[in-house]
Protein backbone atom coordinates (compact mmCIF):
# COMPACT_ATOMS: atom_id res chain seq x y z
CA MET A 1 144.88 57.38 -44.82
CA LYS A 2 144.17 60.58 -42.96
CA ALA A 3 141.36 62.83 -44.12
CA GLY A 4 142.61 65.64 -46.30
CA ALA A 5 146.06 64.03 -46.74
CA GLY A 6 145.80 64.36 -50.52
CA ARG A 7 144.37 67.85 -50.45
CA ARG A 8 146.51 70.31 -52.33
CA PRO A 9 147.37 73.40 -50.26
CA LEU A 10 146.22 76.79 -51.48
CA SER A 11 148.73 78.94 -53.30
CA LEU A 12 150.23 81.94 -51.55
CA THR A 13 148.59 84.25 -54.09
CA LEU A 14 145.15 82.82 -53.41
CA ARG A 15 145.71 82.89 -49.65
CA VAL A 16 146.64 86.57 -49.72
CA ALA A 17 143.68 87.33 -52.00
CA LEU A 18 141.29 85.57 -49.61
CA LEU A 19 142.85 87.39 -46.69
CA LEU A 20 142.39 90.73 -48.42
CA SER A 21 138.79 89.77 -49.21
CA ALA A 22 138.13 88.89 -45.57
CA MET A 23 139.71 92.15 -44.42
CA ALA A 24 137.67 94.14 -46.92
CA ALA A 25 134.47 92.37 -45.83
CA ALA A 26 135.23 93.08 -42.18
CA ILE A 27 135.93 96.76 -42.93
CA PHE A 28 132.79 97.10 -45.06
CA LEU A 29 130.74 95.37 -42.38
CA ALA A 30 132.07 97.59 -39.61
CA ALA A 31 131.61 100.75 -41.67
CA GLY A 32 128.12 99.68 -42.77
CA ALA A 33 127.08 98.84 -39.20
CA TYR A 34 128.38 102.21 -38.01
CA LEU A 35 126.61 104.10 -40.77
CA TYR A 36 123.39 102.15 -40.24
CA THR A 37 123.43 102.73 -36.48
CA THR A 38 124.19 106.43 -36.89
CA LEU A 39 121.55 106.90 -39.56
CA ALA A 40 118.93 104.99 -37.55
CA ARG A 41 119.69 107.10 -34.48
CA GLN A 42 119.41 110.35 -36.43
CA MET A 43 116.17 109.31 -38.13
CA GLY A 44 114.70 108.18 -34.82
CA ALA A 45 115.62 111.51 -33.23
CA ARG A 46 114.03 113.41 -36.12
CA ASP A 47 110.84 111.34 -35.78
CA ASP A 48 110.72 112.08 -32.04
CA VAL A 49 111.18 115.80 -32.67
CA GLU A 50 108.41 115.72 -35.28
CA LEU A 51 106.16 113.81 -32.86
CA ILE A 52 106.73 116.43 -30.14
CA ASN A 53 106.13 119.31 -32.55
CA LYS A 54 102.81 117.79 -33.67
CA ALA A 55 101.73 117.27 -30.04
CA MET A 56 102.65 120.88 -29.17
CA GLN A 57 100.74 122.12 -32.26
CA ILE A 58 97.64 120.12 -31.25
CA ARG A 59 97.93 121.46 -27.69
CA ARG A 60 97.94 125.04 -29.05
CA ILE A 61 94.95 124.37 -31.33
CA ILE A 62 92.95 122.91 -28.42
CA ALA A 63 93.86 125.85 -26.20
CA GLY A 64 92.08 128.15 -28.69
CA LEU A 65 88.76 126.26 -28.55
CA PRO A 66 85.92 127.39 -26.24
CA SER A 67 85.18 124.00 -24.66
CA PRO A 68 86.02 120.28 -24.84
CA GLN A 69 82.78 119.68 -26.74
CA ALA A 70 84.11 121.84 -29.57
CA ILE A 71 86.76 119.21 -30.21
CA ALA A 72 84.12 116.59 -30.95
CA GLN A 73 81.87 118.99 -32.84
CA ASP A 74 84.54 120.17 -35.29
CA ARG A 75 87.54 117.90 -35.73
CA ARG A 76 88.82 119.57 -38.89
CA PRO A 77 91.38 121.91 -37.22
CA LEU A 78 93.03 118.98 -35.43
CA MET A 79 92.94 116.67 -38.42
CA ALA A 80 94.43 119.42 -40.59
CA ALA A 81 97.46 119.38 -38.30
CA LEU A 82 97.96 115.69 -39.23
CA SER A 83 97.39 116.24 -42.95
CA GLY A 84 99.77 114.07 -45.00
CA GLN A 85 100.78 112.01 -41.93
CA ASP A 86 98.91 108.74 -42.35
CA ASP A 87 101.09 106.94 -39.82
CA PHE A 88 99.97 109.20 -36.92
CA MET A 89 97.18 108.20 -34.50
CA LEU A 90 95.56 110.98 -32.43
CA ARG A 91 93.26 110.49 -29.43
CA VAL A 92 91.85 113.26 -27.29
CA ASP A 93 90.07 112.28 -24.04
CA GLY A 94 87.77 114.69 -22.20
CA PRO A 95 87.88 115.47 -18.49
CA ASP A 96 85.66 112.43 -17.80
CA GLY A 97 87.99 110.12 -19.78
CA ALA A 98 85.61 109.68 -22.68
CA ALA A 99 87.14 109.93 -26.14
CA LEU A 100 86.37 113.28 -27.82
CA LEU A 101 88.43 112.54 -30.98
CA LEU A 102 90.00 109.40 -32.40
CA SER A 103 91.71 109.70 -35.78
CA SER A 104 92.29 105.94 -36.11
CA ARG A 105 92.65 102.91 -33.91
CA ALA A 106 96.11 101.80 -32.85
CA SER A 107 97.20 98.40 -34.14
CA GLY A 108 98.44 97.56 -30.63
CA PRO A 109 97.63 98.63 -27.07
CA LEU A 110 99.18 101.91 -25.98
CA PRO A 111 101.08 101.87 -22.67
CA GLN A 112 99.72 103.82 -19.70
CA VAL A 113 102.08 106.73 -19.10
CA ASP A 114 101.77 109.97 -17.16
CA SER A 115 100.67 112.99 -19.16
CA VAL A 116 102.92 116.02 -19.36
CA PRO A 117 101.31 118.93 -17.44
CA PRO A 118 99.85 121.73 -19.61
CA GLN A 119 102.32 124.31 -18.28
CA ARG A 120 105.45 122.26 -19.21
CA PRO A 121 106.80 122.03 -22.76
CA LEU A 122 107.38 118.57 -24.21
CA THR A 123 110.91 117.21 -24.46
CA LEU A 124 112.53 114.13 -26.05
CA GLY A 125 112.41 112.42 -22.66
CA ASP A 126 108.62 112.44 -22.80
CA VAL A 127 108.51 110.16 -25.86
CA HIS A 128 107.91 106.46 -25.10
CA ASP A 129 108.10 103.20 -27.04
CA TRP A 130 105.07 101.16 -27.85
CA ALA A 131 104.50 97.98 -29.79
CA PRO A 132 102.13 98.08 -32.75
CA ALA A 133 101.07 94.90 -34.49
CA ALA A 134 104.12 95.05 -36.76
CA GLY A 135 107.37 96.85 -36.24
CA ALA A 136 107.92 99.46 -33.56
CA GLY A 137 106.31 102.76 -32.60
CA ARG A 138 106.71 105.88 -30.49
CA MET A 139 104.08 107.85 -28.52
CA VAL A 140 103.71 110.90 -26.33
CA SER A 141 100.95 111.85 -23.86
CA ALA A 142 100.31 115.47 -22.84
CA ALA A 143 97.60 117.39 -21.00
CA GLY A 144 95.98 120.41 -22.62
CA GLN A 145 93.70 123.28 -21.40
CA VAL A 146 90.49 124.00 -23.23
CA GLY A 147 87.77 126.32 -21.79
CA GLY A 148 89.27 126.00 -18.30
CA GLU A 149 89.13 122.21 -18.39
CA THR A 150 91.92 119.65 -18.87
CA VAL A 151 91.93 117.12 -21.68
CA ARG A 152 94.41 114.31 -22.39
CA ILE A 153 96.20 114.29 -25.75
CA THR A 154 97.77 111.01 -26.93
CA LEU A 155 99.75 111.07 -30.17
CA ALA A 156 101.28 107.81 -31.44
CA ARG A 157 103.20 106.94 -34.54
CA GLU A 158 104.17 103.67 -36.10
CA ARG A 159 107.46 103.25 -37.98
CA SER A 160 107.93 106.28 -40.21
CA ASP A 161 108.62 106.14 -43.92
CA ARG A 162 112.21 107.11 -43.20
CA LEU A 163 112.69 104.10 -40.91
CA LYS A 164 111.04 101.85 -43.46
CA ILE A 165 113.52 103.10 -46.04
CA LEU A 166 116.28 102.38 -43.54
CA ARG A 167 115.17 98.76 -43.31
CA ALA A 168 115.45 98.47 -47.10
CA TYR A 169 118.90 100.07 -46.79
CA ILE A 170 120.12 96.95 -44.95
CA GLY A 171 119.56 94.80 -48.03
CA ASP A 172 121.45 97.26 -50.22
CA LEU A 173 124.24 97.37 -47.65
CA LEU A 174 124.64 93.57 -47.57
CA LEU A 175 124.62 93.46 -51.36
CA ALA A 176 127.33 96.13 -51.50
CA LEU A 177 129.27 94.22 -48.84
CA CYS A 178 129.29 91.00 -50.86
CA GLY A 179 130.15 92.82 -54.06
CA GLY A 180 132.97 94.76 -52.40
CA ALA A 181 134.42 91.60 -50.86
CA LEU A 182 134.40 89.80 -54.21
CA LEU A 183 135.93 92.81 -55.95
CA ALA A 184 138.62 93.06 -53.25
CA ALA A 185 139.39 89.33 -53.67
CA LEU A 186 139.73 89.70 -57.45
CA LEU A 187 141.84 92.84 -57.28
CA GLY A 188 143.92 91.36 -54.46
CA TYR A 189 144.57 88.22 -56.50
CA LEU A 190 145.64 90.25 -59.54
CA ILE A 191 147.84 92.58 -57.48
CA VAL A 192 149.52 89.75 -55.56
CA ARG A 193 150.02 87.74 -58.74
CA HIS A 194 151.65 90.75 -60.35
CA SER A 195 153.82 91.29 -57.27
CA MET A 196 154.90 87.63 -57.32
CA ARG A 197 156.62 88.01 -60.67
CA ARG A 198 159.89 88.80 -58.94
CA LEU A 199 159.54 85.73 -56.73
CA ARG A 200 158.87 83.55 -59.76
CA SER A 201 162.02 84.89 -61.40
CA VAL A 202 163.97 84.02 -58.23
CA ILE A 203 162.52 80.50 -58.34
CA ALA A 204 163.49 80.16 -62.00
CA LYS A 205 167.01 81.31 -61.16
CA ALA A 206 167.20 78.82 -58.31
CA ASN A 207 166.04 76.01 -60.62
CA ASP A 208 169.00 76.72 -62.91
CA ILE A 209 171.48 76.02 -60.09
CA ASN A 210 172.91 72.51 -60.01
CA ALA A 211 176.03 70.74 -58.77
CA ASN A 212 177.99 72.05 -61.76
CA ARG A 213 176.83 75.66 -61.34
CA LEU A 214 177.14 76.27 -57.61
CA ASN A 215 178.96 79.54 -58.29
CA THR A 216 175.70 81.09 -59.55
CA ARG A 217 174.12 83.59 -57.14
CA LEU A 218 170.75 85.34 -57.02
CA SER A 219 170.84 88.99 -58.06
CA LEU A 220 169.58 91.17 -55.20
CA ARG A 221 170.12 94.56 -56.80
CA ASP A 222 166.49 95.08 -57.86
CA ALA A 223 164.90 92.66 -55.41
CA PRO A 224 162.16 94.04 -53.13
CA VAL A 225 162.92 94.39 -49.45
CA GLU A 226 160.75 91.41 -48.54
CA LEU A 227 162.76 89.10 -50.83
CA ARG A 228 166.19 90.56 -50.17
CA GLU A 229 166.62 88.81 -46.83
CA LEU A 230 165.48 85.52 -48.35
CA GLY A 231 167.87 85.99 -51.27
CA GLU A 232 170.77 86.76 -48.95
CA ALA A 233 170.06 83.63 -46.92
CA PHE A 234 169.82 81.57 -50.11
CA ASN A 235 173.12 82.96 -51.42
CA ALA A 236 174.77 82.26 -48.06
CA MET A 237 173.50 78.69 -48.26
CA LEU A 238 174.99 78.40 -51.76
CA ASP A 239 178.31 79.69 -50.42
CA ARG A 240 178.30 76.96 -47.78
CA LEU A 241 177.29 74.32 -50.30
CA GLU A 242 179.97 75.39 -52.76
CA ASP A 243 182.59 75.38 -50.03
CA GLY A 244 181.44 71.95 -48.84
CA VAL A 245 181.44 70.50 -52.37
CA GLN A 246 184.92 71.89 -53.02
CA ARG A 247 186.19 70.47 -49.75
CA LEU A 248 184.57 67.14 -50.51
CA SER A 249 186.11 67.09 -53.98
CA GLY A 250 189.50 67.91 -52.54
CA PHE A 251 189.04 65.34 -49.80
CA ALA A 252 188.13 62.66 -52.35
CA ALA A 253 191.11 63.57 -54.56
CA ASP A 254 193.52 63.50 -51.63
CA LEU A 255 192.07 60.23 -50.34
CA ALA A 256 192.38 58.63 -53.77
CA HIS A 257 195.96 59.90 -54.07
CA ASP A 258 196.97 58.54 -50.67
CA LEU A 259 195.25 55.21 -51.22
CA ARG A 260 196.92 54.83 -54.57
CA THR A 261 200.43 54.78 -53.04
CA PRO A 262 200.03 51.67 -50.82
CA VAL A 263 197.90 49.94 -53.44
CA ASN A 264 200.53 50.54 -56.13
CA THR A 265 203.24 49.37 -53.73
CA LEU A 266 201.35 46.14 -53.01
CA MET A 267 200.66 45.58 -56.70
CA VAL A 268 204.26 46.21 -57.85
CA GLU A 269 205.81 44.07 -55.10
CA THR A 270 203.39 41.24 -55.86
CA GLN A 271 204.07 41.43 -59.61
CA VAL A 272 207.83 41.41 -59.01
CA ALA A 273 207.51 38.44 -56.67
CA LEU A 274 205.47 36.55 -59.26
CA ALA A 275 207.89 37.30 -62.10
CA ARG A 276 210.08 34.32 -61.13
CA PRO A 277 210.26 31.69 -58.39
CA ARG A 278 211.38 33.00 -55.01
CA THR A 279 212.86 31.46 -51.90
CA ALA A 280 210.83 31.09 -48.70
CA GLU A 281 212.83 33.91 -47.13
CA GLU A 282 212.01 36.25 -50.04
CA TYR A 283 208.29 35.43 -49.83
CA GLN A 284 208.40 36.01 -46.09
CA ALA A 285 210.02 39.44 -46.62
CA LEU A 286 207.33 40.26 -49.23
CA LEU A 287 204.55 39.32 -46.86
CA ALA A 288 206.07 41.43 -44.08
CA SER A 289 206.28 44.42 -46.43
CA ASN A 290 202.70 43.86 -47.57
CA SER A 291 201.56 43.66 -43.96
CA GLU A 292 203.00 47.11 -43.32
CA GLU A 293 201.09 48.49 -46.29
CA TYR A 294 197.90 46.81 -45.11
CA GLU A 295 198.35 48.37 -41.68
CA ARG A 296 198.82 51.75 -43.30
CA LEU A 297 195.64 51.28 -45.34
CA ALA A 298 193.74 50.24 -42.21
CA ARG A 299 194.92 53.36 -40.36
CA MET A 300 193.88 55.59 -43.25
CA ILE A 301 190.44 53.98 -43.46
CA GLU A 302 189.95 54.09 -39.67
CA ASN A 303 190.96 57.78 -39.52
CA THR A 304 188.68 58.63 -42.43
CA LEU A 305 185.74 56.86 -40.78
CA PHE A 306 186.49 58.67 -37.51
CA LEU A 307 186.31 62.06 -39.22
CA ALA A 308 183.11 61.02 -41.03
CA ARG A 309 181.48 60.08 -37.71
CA VAL A 310 182.53 63.43 -36.23
CA ASP A 311 181.11 65.34 -39.21
CA ASN A 312 177.76 63.55 -38.92
CA ALA A 313 177.52 63.93 -35.11
CA GLN A 314 177.65 60.15 -34.64
CA LEU A 315 180.35 60.30 -31.98
CA ALA A 316 179.41 61.06 -28.38
CA LEU A 317 181.80 62.16 -25.66
CA GLN A 318 182.35 59.91 -22.64
CA ARG A 319 183.64 62.44 -20.09
CA GLU A 320 185.43 61.27 -16.97
CA PRO A 321 187.40 63.06 -14.24
CA LEU A 322 191.04 62.88 -15.39
CA GLN A 323 194.32 63.86 -13.77
CA LEU A 324 196.08 65.57 -16.66
CA SER A 325 199.54 64.91 -15.26
CA ALA A 326 198.80 61.16 -15.18
CA GLU A 327 197.38 61.23 -18.72
CA LEU A 328 200.41 63.06 -20.09
CA LEU A 329 202.77 60.66 -18.31
CA ARG A 330 200.88 57.73 -19.89
CA ILE A 331 201.42 59.29 -23.33
CA HIS A 332 205.08 59.87 -22.42
CA ASP A 333 205.56 56.20 -21.55
CA TYR A 334 203.90 55.09 -24.79
CA PHE A 335 206.16 57.20 -27.03
CA GLU A 336 209.34 56.96 -24.90
CA ILE A 337 210.88 54.08 -26.85
CA LEU A 338 210.18 55.76 -30.20
CA ALA A 339 211.69 58.99 -28.88
CA ASP A 340 214.82 57.17 -27.68
CA ASP A 341 215.22 55.52 -31.08
CA ALA A 342 214.99 58.97 -32.73
CA GLY A 343 217.41 60.50 -30.24
CA VAL A 344 214.74 62.90 -28.96
CA ARG A 345 214.17 63.75 -25.31
CA LEU A 346 210.50 63.57 -24.19
CA GLU A 347 209.53 65.71 -21.16
CA VAL A 348 206.34 66.28 -19.14
CA ASP A 349 205.58 69.44 -17.15
CA ALA A 350 202.06 69.31 -15.67
CA PRO A 351 200.78 70.13 -12.17
CA ALA A 352 197.94 68.19 -10.51
CA ILE A 353 194.94 69.41 -12.56
CA GLU A 354 191.65 67.55 -12.81
CA ALA A 355 189.34 67.95 -15.82
CA TRP A 356 186.25 66.18 -17.12
CA LEU A 357 187.31 64.97 -20.58
CA ASP A 358 186.97 61.93 -22.80
CA PRO A 359 190.13 59.88 -21.97
CA VAL A 360 190.24 57.97 -25.28
CA LEU A 361 189.85 61.08 -27.43
CA LEU A 362 192.29 63.05 -25.27
CA GLN A 363 194.92 60.33 -25.70
CA ARG A 364 194.28 60.30 -29.44
CA ALA A 365 194.53 64.08 -29.90
CA VAL A 366 197.71 64.50 -27.84
CA GLY A 367 199.15 61.27 -29.27
CA ASN A 368 198.69 62.58 -32.82
CA LEU A 369 200.55 65.79 -31.91
CA VAL A 370 203.42 63.86 -30.28
CA SER A 371 203.64 61.49 -33.25
CA ASN A 372 203.70 64.48 -35.59
CA ALA A 373 206.41 66.16 -33.48
CA LEU A 374 208.59 63.03 -33.53
CA ARG A 375 208.68 63.09 -37.33
CA TYR A 376 210.07 66.62 -37.49
CA THR A 377 212.26 66.88 -34.38
CA PRO A 378 215.91 66.22 -35.24
CA ALA A 379 218.17 64.03 -33.09
CA GLY A 380 219.13 65.83 -29.91
CA GLY A 381 215.87 67.82 -29.90
CA VAL A 382 213.23 68.04 -27.20
CA ILE A 383 209.46 67.44 -27.14
CA ARG A 384 207.71 68.90 -24.08
CA LEU A 385 204.18 68.10 -22.91
CA SER A 386 202.66 70.62 -20.50
CA ALA A 387 199.30 71.62 -18.95
CA ARG A 388 198.03 74.68 -17.14
CA ARG A 389 194.82 76.35 -15.97
CA ALA A 390 193.25 78.74 -18.51
CA GLY A 391 190.33 80.62 -17.00
CA GLN A 392 187.59 78.05 -16.33
CA GLY A 393 189.28 75.52 -18.59
CA VAL A 394 192.67 73.96 -19.15
CA GLU A 395 195.26 74.29 -21.91
CA LEU A 396 197.59 71.51 -22.99
CA ALA A 397 200.67 72.21 -25.09
CA VAL A 398 202.96 70.00 -27.21
CA ALA A 399 206.17 71.83 -28.12
CA ASN A 400 209.10 70.55 -30.15
CA THR A 401 212.36 71.95 -31.44
CA GLY A 402 212.82 71.61 -35.16
CA PRO A 403 212.62 73.36 -38.53
CA GLY A 404 209.26 74.96 -37.78
CA ILE A 405 206.36 75.72 -40.13
CA ALA A 406 206.36 78.52 -42.68
CA PRO A 407 203.81 81.30 -41.90
CA GLU A 408 201.91 80.80 -45.18
CA HIS A 409 201.08 77.23 -44.18
CA LEU A 410 199.85 77.92 -40.65
CA PRO A 411 196.18 78.75 -41.63
CA HIS A 412 195.90 75.41 -43.49
CA ILE A 413 197.89 73.14 -41.22
CA PHE A 414 194.78 71.44 -39.78
CA GLY A 415 193.20 70.67 -43.15
CA ARG A 416 192.60 67.08 -44.16
CA TYR A 417 195.39 65.61 -46.30
CA TYR A 418 197.10 68.98 -46.30
CA ARG A 419 200.87 68.94 -46.72
CA ALA A 420 202.85 72.14 -46.68
CA ASP A 421 205.66 70.54 -48.65
CA ALA A 422 207.18 67.18 -49.36
CA ALA A 423 209.07 67.31 -46.07
CA ARG A 424 205.98 67.88 -43.91
CA SER A 425 204.84 64.29 -44.05
CA SER A 426 206.28 61.23 -45.64
CA PRO A 427 203.61 59.29 -47.51
CA ALA A 428 205.12 56.10 -46.17
CA HIS A 429 204.30 57.07 -42.59
CA SER A 430 201.46 59.59 -42.60
CA ALA A 431 198.18 60.12 -44.42
CA GLY A 432 197.90 63.79 -43.41
CA LEU A 433 194.94 63.26 -41.08
CA GLY A 434 196.55 63.49 -37.62
CA LEU A 435 196.13 67.24 -37.14
CA ALA A 436 192.63 67.18 -38.71
CA ILE A 437 191.61 64.51 -36.19
CA ALA A 438 193.07 66.57 -33.32
CA ARG A 439 191.00 69.57 -34.44
CA ALA A 440 187.85 67.44 -34.72
CA ILE A 441 188.37 66.11 -31.18
CA MET A 442 188.77 69.65 -29.84
CA GLU A 443 185.57 70.74 -31.58
CA LEU A 444 183.74 67.81 -29.97
CA HIS A 445 184.92 69.08 -26.56
CA GLY A 446 183.83 72.64 -27.40
CA GLY A 447 187.48 73.80 -27.46
CA ASN A 448 189.97 74.81 -30.11
CA ILE A 449 193.47 74.08 -31.33
CA ARG A 450 196.11 76.51 -32.55
CA VAL A 451 199.78 76.48 -33.45
CA GLU A 452 202.67 78.89 -33.00
CA SER A 453 205.92 78.32 -34.86
CA GLU A 454 209.24 80.10 -35.03
CA ALA A 455 211.42 78.80 -37.85
CA GLY A 456 214.41 76.81 -36.60
CA VAL A 457 213.53 77.40 -32.94
CA LEU A 458 210.24 76.04 -31.60
CA THR A 459 206.82 74.83 -32.78
CA THR A 460 204.00 74.60 -30.20
CA PHE A 461 200.50 73.19 -30.56
CA PHE A 462 197.98 74.41 -27.97
CA LEU A 463 194.82 72.48 -27.02
CA LEU A 464 192.34 74.69 -25.14
CA PHE A 465 189.49 72.86 -23.37
CA LYS A 466 187.00 75.57 -22.36
CA LYS A 467 184.54 73.32 -20.48
CA THR A 468 186.18 70.91 -18.08
CA GLU A 469 183.58 70.68 -15.29
CA ASN A 470 181.15 67.81 -14.73
CA ILE A 471 178.54 68.75 -17.37
């Protein structure tokens, strides 16, 4: 058994809620990162400006002293400038490099950088990084003039209170991120669940549809746009199912009706024969009659199975290069004796045309049309078989003189077991499947069949094969 095979998939509502939660978390994270970066940059810039201002202030105080020794003798003016700034470290070195003032020792070594000349103001580019024992720091080094001598001023600062607050801000931000994601998931779940009410009503409506209520359709009047297309597709599927069930019911009724006739005939003839003793000649005549009925039943069953195989795509074409004139002449020879017995003239008019078709199915389709024409062509009439080029395909025609077909029956003439009237097909000779089989064969070839009929003059069936190359 595969891992996770029994795992139940997540519901659509929960999936959407989780997706909304992930989106909200991503948005919160991006916004928080942007705000944190912006705030950190602004605070860092403010600290650098404050560091420069303090260094400039110390430079001015030193410039007012009489000599470098005054810095060491009275450190109060310089320390007053750093009042309230415990995170600052000030060092002033005399001309000889000896320390004149040291407010506190740095927790880490200060980098050696060039001092800014006394004549040049300090800028943000003069501030450098340095690494205290913990965290990060910034420093600036500037030269100052006191009593005509130059001293070196170094002012360093570890992470300011503002930056320390910013570090604590990260924890609050992550907490808000988690809370916002959970809240988004909960609200998303509730919103999606509320929005799914219409879908649940559609599902309930679909569950009410069964084989006896195929005429029921989903109401799309108040359906949201997202469900309208699904509802239309579902209703279209129901239309096809209803049509298929109705056709199947009609097919079953017609099949039962047509099977009943030969079965009843066999049963009645057998009962009559058994009613009293018969001569050998009478039994022989009964068996011959029964054999005809059995043959009729076999044809009906074989035709029905053929149509079932076509409907379920179980029949494959076996295309071969065929000379249509030769194929039509072969059909002519097969039906010539039957035509002579009926007093009907059978003609063939086909030039030398080659087409890649299934020879067995072609013979069956055209043969069904000729057999159908023989039943309705009166003595002295004509049945003509012809073929011609039609674009990239070929068109075969079977025309016969006779009573014709009424216009109201033409759209249904190729239906299974369809009979326009009692005269269209005698139950003793036809099961009403010949034209349906011809249409099925044409559909297998990717072609179509149509009929034109003029009452009392001419009826013509056209077989159009659209693809006749070696494919």
